[in-house]
Amino acid sequence: MQVWFVVLNIFIGQSLGIDVAGAVWFFTWSLAKVAALVPISLGGLAVRDAAFAALIAPFGVPLTTGVVASLIWQSIVISGGLAAGALSLVLGEDARSALRLRAARRTNVESSWRKSV
């Protein structure tokens, strides 16, 4: 999964004009994610971005471009989570309705069986 995340970041970086080798991406992005584990921000936000920009800067990438690439990725992660939460909310209500209907049917069947016995 993490490999695909790095590959997606490579595409994001290339669209921003970041032209470095794939190995550089795997090195810098992985270290930036490790830096995000330092408990000084909410979910590593801004720590990962600053770490990535600082780590990729020696490879000729401007700091601002590194931060933007990282923030674009973070916005994709956040919007994906919001979309999944909304989908879960919508589908979750349908599933709860189906369970209530099934329980009501079972209760009706049990009631009619008891009456017949």
N, C-alpha and C. Protein backbone atom coordinates (compact mmCIF):
# COMPACT_ATOMS: atom_id res chain seq x y z
N MET A 1 0.83 -1.18 0.00
CA MET A 1 0.00 0.00 0.00
C MET A 1 0.88 1.26 0.00
N GLN A 2 1.89 1.27 0.86
CA GLN A 2 2.77 2.43 0.94
C GLN A 2 3.52 2.65 -0.37
N VAL A 3 3.86 1.57 -1.06
CA VAL A 3 4.55 1.70 -2.36
C VAL A 3 3.64 2.45 -3.33
N TRP A 4 2.36 2.10 -3.34
CA TRP A 4 1.43 2.79 -4.24
C TRP A 4 1.25 4.25 -3.83
N PHE A 5 1.29 4.53 -2.55
CA PHE A 5 1.22 5.92 -2.11
C PHE A 5 2.41 6.72 -2.63
N VAL A 6 3.59 6.12 -2.59
CA VAL A 6 4.77 6.82 -3.10
C VAL A 6 4.65 7.01 -4.61
N VAL A 7 4.18 5.99 -5.30
CA VAL A 7 4.00 6.11 -6.76
C VAL A 7 3.01 7.23 -7.09
N LEU A 8 1.93 7.31 -6.35
CA LEU A 8 0.97 8.41 -6.56
C LEU A 8 1.62 9.76 -6.29
N ASN A 9 2.47 9.82 -5.28
CA ASN A 9 3.19 11.06 -4.99
C ASN A 9 4.17 11.42 -6.08
N ILE A 10 4.75 10.42 -6.71
CA ILE A 10 5.65 10.68 -7.84
C ILE A 10 4.86 11.37 -8.96
N PHE A 11 3.65 10.88 -9.24
CA PHE A 11 2.83 11.52 -10.27
C PHE A 11 2.44 12.94 -9.88
N ILE A 12 2.10 13.13 -8.63
CA ILE A 12 1.78 14.49 -8.16
C ILE A 12 3.00 15.39 -8.33
N GLY A 13 4.15 14.90 -7.90
CA GLY A 13 5.38 15.69 -8.02
C GLY A 13 5.74 16.01 -9.45
N GLN A 14 5.58 15.04 -10.34
CA GLN A 14 5.88 15.28 -11.75
C GLN A 14 4.96 16.34 -12.33
N SER A 15 3.70 16.35 -11.90
CA SER A 15 2.77 17.38 -12.40
C SER A 15 3.15 18.76 -11.89
N LEU A 16 3.89 18.81 -10.78
CA LEU A 16 4.37 20.09 -10.24
C LEU A 16 5.75 20.47 -10.77
N GLY A 17 6.34 19.59 -11.55
CA GLY A 17 7.66 19.87 -12.11
C GLY A 17 8.82 19.31 -11.31
N ILE A 18 8.55 18.45 -10.36
CA ILE A 18 9.61 17.80 -9.59
C ILE A 18 10.14 16.65 -10.42
N ASP A 19 11.40 16.75 -10.81
CA ASP A 19 12.00 15.74 -11.67
C ASP A 19 13.19 15.10 -10.96
N VAL A 20 12.88 14.14 -10.09
CA VAL A 20 13.93 13.40 -9.39
C VAL A 20 13.66 11.91 -9.60
N ALA A 21 14.67 11.11 -9.32
CA ALA A 21 14.55 9.66 -9.51
C ALA A 21 13.54 9.07 -8.53
N GLY A 22 12.99 7.92 -8.90
CA GLY A 22 12.04 7.24 -8.04
C GLY A 22 12.64 6.86 -6.70
N ALA A 23 13.92 6.50 -6.69
CA ALA A 23 14.59 6.14 -5.43
C ALA A 23 14.61 7.32 -4.47
N VAL A 24 14.77 8.52 -5.01
CA VAL A 24 14.75 9.73 -4.17
C VAL A 24 13.38 9.89 -3.53
N TRP A 25 12.34 9.64 -4.30
CA TRP A 25 10.99 9.73 -3.76
C TRP A 25 10.78 8.72 -2.64
N PHE A 26 11.19 7.49 -2.87
CA PHE A 26 11.01 6.47 -1.83
C PHE A 26 11.78 6.83 -0.57
N PHE A 27 12.98 7.37 -0.73
CA PHE A 27 13.80 7.76 0.41
C PHE A 27 13.18 8.94 1.16
N THR A 28 12.87 10.02 0.45
CA THR A 28 12.41 11.24 1.10
C THR A 28 11.00 11.08 1.67
N TRP A 29 10.11 10.45 0.92
CA TRP A 29 8.73 10.33 1.39
C TRP A 29 8.66 9.42 2.61
N SER A 30 9.42 8.34 2.59
CA SER A 30 9.42 7.42 3.73
C SER A 30 9.95 8.10 4.99
N LEU A 31 11.04 8.84 4.85
CA LEU A 31 11.58 9.55 6.01
C LEU A 31 10.64 10.64 6.51
N ALA A 32 9.96 11.30 5.59
CA ALA A 32 9.00 12.34 5.99
C ALA A 32 7.85 11.72 6.77
N LYS A 33 7.42 10.53 6.35
CA LYS A 33 6.33 9.87 7.08
C LYS A 33 6.79 9.43 8.47
N VAL A 34 8.04 9.04 8.59
CA VAL A 34 8.59 8.69 9.91
C VAL A 34 8.66 9.94 10.78
N ALA A 35 9.07 11.06 10.18
CA ALA A 35 9.14 12.32 10.94
C ALA A 35 7.75 12.73 11.43
N ALA A 36 6.71 12.37 10.68
CA ALA A 36 5.35 12.74 11.08
C ALA A 36 4.91 12.01 12.34
N LEU A 37 5.63 10.97 12.74
CA LEU A 37 5.29 10.24 13.96
C LEU A 37 5.68 10.99 15.22
N VAL A 38 6.50 12.02 15.09
CA VAL A 38 6.89 12.82 16.25
C VAL A 38 5.63 13.52 16.77
N PRO A 39 5.31 13.33 18.04
CA PRO A 39 4.03 13.82 18.55
C PRO A 39 4.01 15.32 18.88
N ILE A 40 4.20 16.14 17.85
CA ILE A 40 4.17 17.58 18.09
C ILE A 40 3.09 18.28 17.27
N SER A 41 2.34 17.51 16.49
CA SER A 41 1.25 18.11 15.73
C SER A 41 0.12 17.09 15.60
N LEU A 42 -0.99 17.55 15.09
CA LEU A 42 -2.16 16.70 14.93
C LEU A 42 -1.98 15.81 13.70
N GLY A 43 -1.73 14.54 13.92
CA GLY A 43 -1.58 13.59 12.82
C GLY A 43 -0.36 13.83 11.95
N GLY A 44 0.61 14.54 12.45
CA GLY A 44 1.82 14.79 11.67
C GLY A 44 1.67 15.89 10.64
N LEU A 45 0.53 16.57 10.64
CA LEU A 45 0.29 17.64 9.68
C LEU A 45 1.31 18.76 9.90
N ALA A 46 1.87 19.23 8.86
CA ALA A 46 2.90 20.26 8.81
C ALA A 46 4.28 19.70 9.12
N VAL A 47 4.39 18.73 10.00
CA VAL A 47 5.69 18.11 10.27
C VAL A 47 6.13 17.32 9.05
N ARG A 48 5.22 16.51 8.52
CA ARG A 48 5.53 15.71 7.33
C ARG A 48 5.84 16.63 6.15
N ASP A 49 5.07 17.70 6.01
CA ASP A 49 5.26 18.62 4.89
C ASP A 49 6.62 19.30 4.95
N ALA A 50 6.96 19.80 6.14
CA ALA A 50 8.26 20.47 6.31
C ALA A 50 9.41 19.48 6.15
N ALA A 51 9.24 18.28 6.69
CA ALA A 51 10.30 17.28 6.59
C ALA A 51 10.51 16.88 5.13
N PHE A 52 9.42 16.68 4.40
CA PHE A 52 9.55 16.30 3.00
C PHE A 52 10.24 17.40 2.20
N ALA A 53 9.83 18.65 2.42
CA ALA A 53 10.44 19.77 1.70
C ALA A 53 11.93 19.86 2.02
N ALA A 54 12.30 19.69 3.28
CA ALA A 54 13.71 19.77 3.68
C ALA A 54 14.52 18.59 3.12
N LEU A 55 13.90 17.41 3.06
CA LEU A 55 14.63 16.24 2.56
C LEU A 55 14.81 16.23 1.06
N ILE A 56 13.86 16.80 0.33
CA ILE A 56 13.95 16.77 -1.13
C ILE A 56 14.68 18.01 -1.68
N ALA A 57 14.87 19.03 -0.85
CA ALA A 57 15.56 20.25 -1.29
C ALA A 57 16.97 20.01 -1.81
N PRO A 58 17.78 19.13 -1.19
CA PRO A 58 19.13 18.90 -1.72
C PRO A 58 19.15 18.29 -3.13
N PHE A 59 18.02 17.82 -3.59
CA PHE A 59 17.95 17.24 -4.93
C PHE A 59 17.47 18.26 -5.97
N GLY A 60 17.51 19.53 -5.59
CA GLY A 60 17.20 20.61 -6.53
C GLY A 60 15.74 21.03 -6.56
N VAL A 61 14.97 20.62 -5.59
CA VAL A 61 13.55 20.99 -5.55
C VAL A 61 13.38 22.15 -4.59
N PRO A 62 12.76 23.24 -5.04
CA PRO A 62 12.53 24.37 -4.13
C PRO A 62 11.66 23.95 -2.94
N LEU A 63 11.93 24.58 -1.79
CA LEU A 63 11.18 24.25 -0.58
C LEU A 63 9.67 24.41 -0.77
N THR A 64 9.28 25.49 -1.42
CA THR A 64 7.84 25.72 -1.61
C THR A 64 7.19 24.62 -2.44
N THR A 65 7.89 24.14 -3.45
CA THR A 65 7.33 23.07 -4.29
C THR A 65 7.21 21.78 -3.49
N GLY A 66 8.18 21.50 -2.64
CA GLY A 66 8.12 20.32 -1.79
C GLY A 66 6.94 20.38 -0.82
N VAL A 67 6.72 21.55 -0.24
CA VAL A 67 5.60 21.71 0.69
C VAL A 67 4.28 21.57 -0.05
N VAL A 68 4.18 22.16 -1.23
CA VAL A 68 2.94 22.08 -2.02
C VAL A 68 2.65 20.63 -2.39
N ALA A 69 3.67 19.88 -2.82
CA ALA A 69 3.46 18.48 -3.17
C ALA A 69 2.93 17.69 -1.98
N SER A 70 3.48 17.94 -0.83
CA SER A 70 3.04 17.24 0.37
C SER A 70 1.64 17.65 0.79
N LEU A 71 1.33 18.94 0.68
CA LEU A 71 -0.01 19.40 1.04
C LEU A 71 -1.08 18.89 0.07
N ILE A 72 -0.72 18.76 -1.21
CA ILE A 72 -1.68 18.19 -2.16
C ILE A 72 -1.99 16.76 -1.76
N TRP A 73 -0.95 16.00 -1.39
CA TRP A 73 -1.19 14.63 -0.96
C TRP A 73 -2.07 14.60 0.29
N GLN A 74 -1.80 15.49 1.23
CA GLN A 74 -2.59 15.53 2.46
C GLN A 74 -4.05 15.88 2.16
N SER A 75 -4.27 16.77 1.22
CA SER A 75 -5.65 17.12 0.87
C SER A 75 -6.37 15.94 0.21
N ILE A 76 -5.64 15.12 -0.56
CA ILE A 76 -6.23 13.92 -1.15
C ILE A 76 -6.61 12.94 -0.05
N VAL A 77 -5.74 12.76 0.93
CA VAL A 77 -6.02 11.83 2.03
C VAL A 77 -7.23 12.30 2.83
N ILE A 78 -7.29 13.58 3.15
CA ILE A 78 -8.40 14.12 3.94
C ILE A 78 -9.71 14.04 3.16
N SER A 79 -9.70 14.43 1.88
CA SER A 79 -10.94 14.38 1.10
C SER A 79 -11.38 12.94 0.88
N GLY A 80 -10.44 12.02 0.73
CA GLY A 80 -10.81 10.60 0.62
C GLY A 80 -11.47 10.10 1.89
N GLY A 81 -10.94 10.50 3.03
CA GLY A 81 -11.53 10.11 4.30
C GLY A 81 -12.92 10.69 4.49
N LEU A 82 -13.11 11.95 4.09
CA LEU A 82 -14.43 12.57 4.19
C LEU A 82 -15.43 11.88 3.27
N ALA A 83 -15.00 11.55 2.06
CA ALA A 83 -15.89 10.86 1.11
C ALA A 83 -16.26 9.48 1.65
N ALA A 84 -15.29 8.76 2.20
CA ALA A 84 -15.57 7.43 2.75
C ALA A 84 -16.50 7.54 3.95
N GLY A 85 -16.33 8.55 4.78
CA GLY A 85 -17.22 8.75 5.91
C GLY A 85 -18.64 9.05 5.48
N ALA A 86 -18.79 9.89 4.46
CA ALA A 86 -20.12 10.21 3.94
C ALA A 86 -20.78 8.97 3.34
N LEU A 87 -20.02 8.19 2.60
CA LEU A 87 -20.54 6.96 2.02
C LEU A 87 -20.95 5.98 3.11
N SER A 88 -20.15 5.89 4.14
CA SER A 88 -20.47 5.01 5.26
C SER A 88 -21.74 5.48 5.97
N LEU A 89 -21.90 6.77 6.10
CA LEU A 89 -23.09 7.31 6.73
C LEU A 89 -24.33 6.97 5.92
N VAL A 90 -24.24 7.14 4.61
CA VAL A 90 -25.38 6.86 3.73
C VAL A 90 -25.68 5.36 3.70
N LEU A 91 -24.66 4.56 3.45
CA LEU A 91 -24.86 3.12 3.38
C LEU A 91 -25.17 2.54 4.74
N GLY A 92 -24.64 3.13 5.78
CA GLY A 92 -24.90 2.65 7.13
C GLY A 92 -26.37 2.77 7.50
N GLU A 93 -27.01 3.84 7.11
CA GLU A 93 -28.44 4.02 7.41
C GLU A 93 -29.26 2.99 6.64
N ASP A 94 -28.90 2.72 5.39
CA ASP A 94 -29.60 1.70 4.63
C ASP A 94 -29.45 0.34 5.29
N ALA A 95 -28.26 0.05 5.77
CA ALA A 95 -28.02 -1.25 6.42
C ALA A 95 -28.81 -1.34 7.71
N ARG A 96 -28.88 -0.25 8.49
CA ARG A 96 -29.66 -0.27 9.73
C ARG A 96 -31.14 -0.47 9.43
N SER A 97 -31.63 0.17 8.37
CA SER A 97 -33.03 0.01 7.98
C SER A 97 -33.32 -1.43 7.60
N ALA A 98 -32.41 -2.06 6.86
CA ALA A 98 -32.59 -3.45 6.45
C ALA A 98 -32.60 -4.36 7.67
N LEU A 99 -31.74 -4.10 8.65
CA LEU A 99 -31.73 -4.92 9.86
C LEU A 99 -33.01 -4.76 10.66
N ARG A 100 -33.53 -3.53 10.75
CA ARG A 100 -34.79 -3.33 11.47
C ARG A 100 -35.93 -4.06 10.77
N LEU A 101 -35.95 -4.02 9.45
CA LEU A 101 -36.98 -4.71 8.69
C LEU A 101 -36.89 -6.22 8.90
N ARG A 102 -35.69 -6.74 8.86
CA ARG A 102 -35.48 -8.18 9.07
C ARG A 102 -35.93 -8.58 10.48
N ALA A 103 -35.60 -7.77 11.47
CA ALA A 103 -36.00 -8.07 12.84
C ALA A 103 -37.51 -8.02 12.98
N ALA A 104 -38.16 -7.07 12.33
CA ALA A 104 -39.61 -6.97 12.39
C ALA A 104 -40.26 -8.18 11.75
N ARG A 105 -39.73 -8.63 10.63
CA ARG A 105 -40.27 -9.82 9.97
C ARG A 105 -40.11 -11.06 10.84
N ARG A 106 -38.95 -11.18 11.46
CA ARG A 106 -38.69 -12.33 12.33
C ARG A 106 -39.66 -12.33 13.51
N THR A 107 -39.89 -11.16 14.08
CA THR A 107 -40.82 -11.05 15.20
C THR A 107 -42.23 -11.43 14.76
N ASN A 108 -42.64 -11.00 13.58
CA ASN A 108 -43.97 -11.34 13.08
C ASN A 108 -44.11 -12.83 12.83
N VAL A 109 -43.07 -13.45 12.28
CA VAL A 109 -43.10 -14.89 12.03
C VAL A 109 -43.17 -15.65 13.34
N GLU A 110 -42.39 -15.24 14.34
CA GLU A 110 -42.40 -15.91 15.64
C GLU A 110 -43.76 -15.74 16.33
N SER A 111 -44.35 -14.55 16.21
CA SER A 111 -45.65 -14.29 16.83
C SER A 111 -46.72 -15.17 16.21
N SER A 112 -46.71 -15.24 14.87
CA SER A 112 -47.73 -16.07 14.20
C SER A 112 -47.52 -17.55 14.49
N TRP A 113 -46.30 -17.98 14.64
CA TRP A 113 -46.01 -19.40 14.97
C TRP A 113 -46.52 -19.72 16.38
N ARG A 114 -46.30 -18.81 17.32
CA ARG A 114 -46.75 -19.03 18.71
C ARG A 114 -48.29 -19.08 18.79
N LYS A 115 -48.93 -18.25 17.99
CA LYS A 115 -50.39 -18.23 18.00
C LYS A 115 -50.96 -19.53 17.45
N SER A 116 -50.26 -20.11 16.47
CA SER A 116 -50.76 -21.35 15.86
C SER A 116 -50.51 -22.57 16.73
N VAL A 117 -49.57 -22.48 17.65
CA VAL A 117 -49.25 -23.63 18.50
C VAL A 117 -50.11 -23.70 19.69
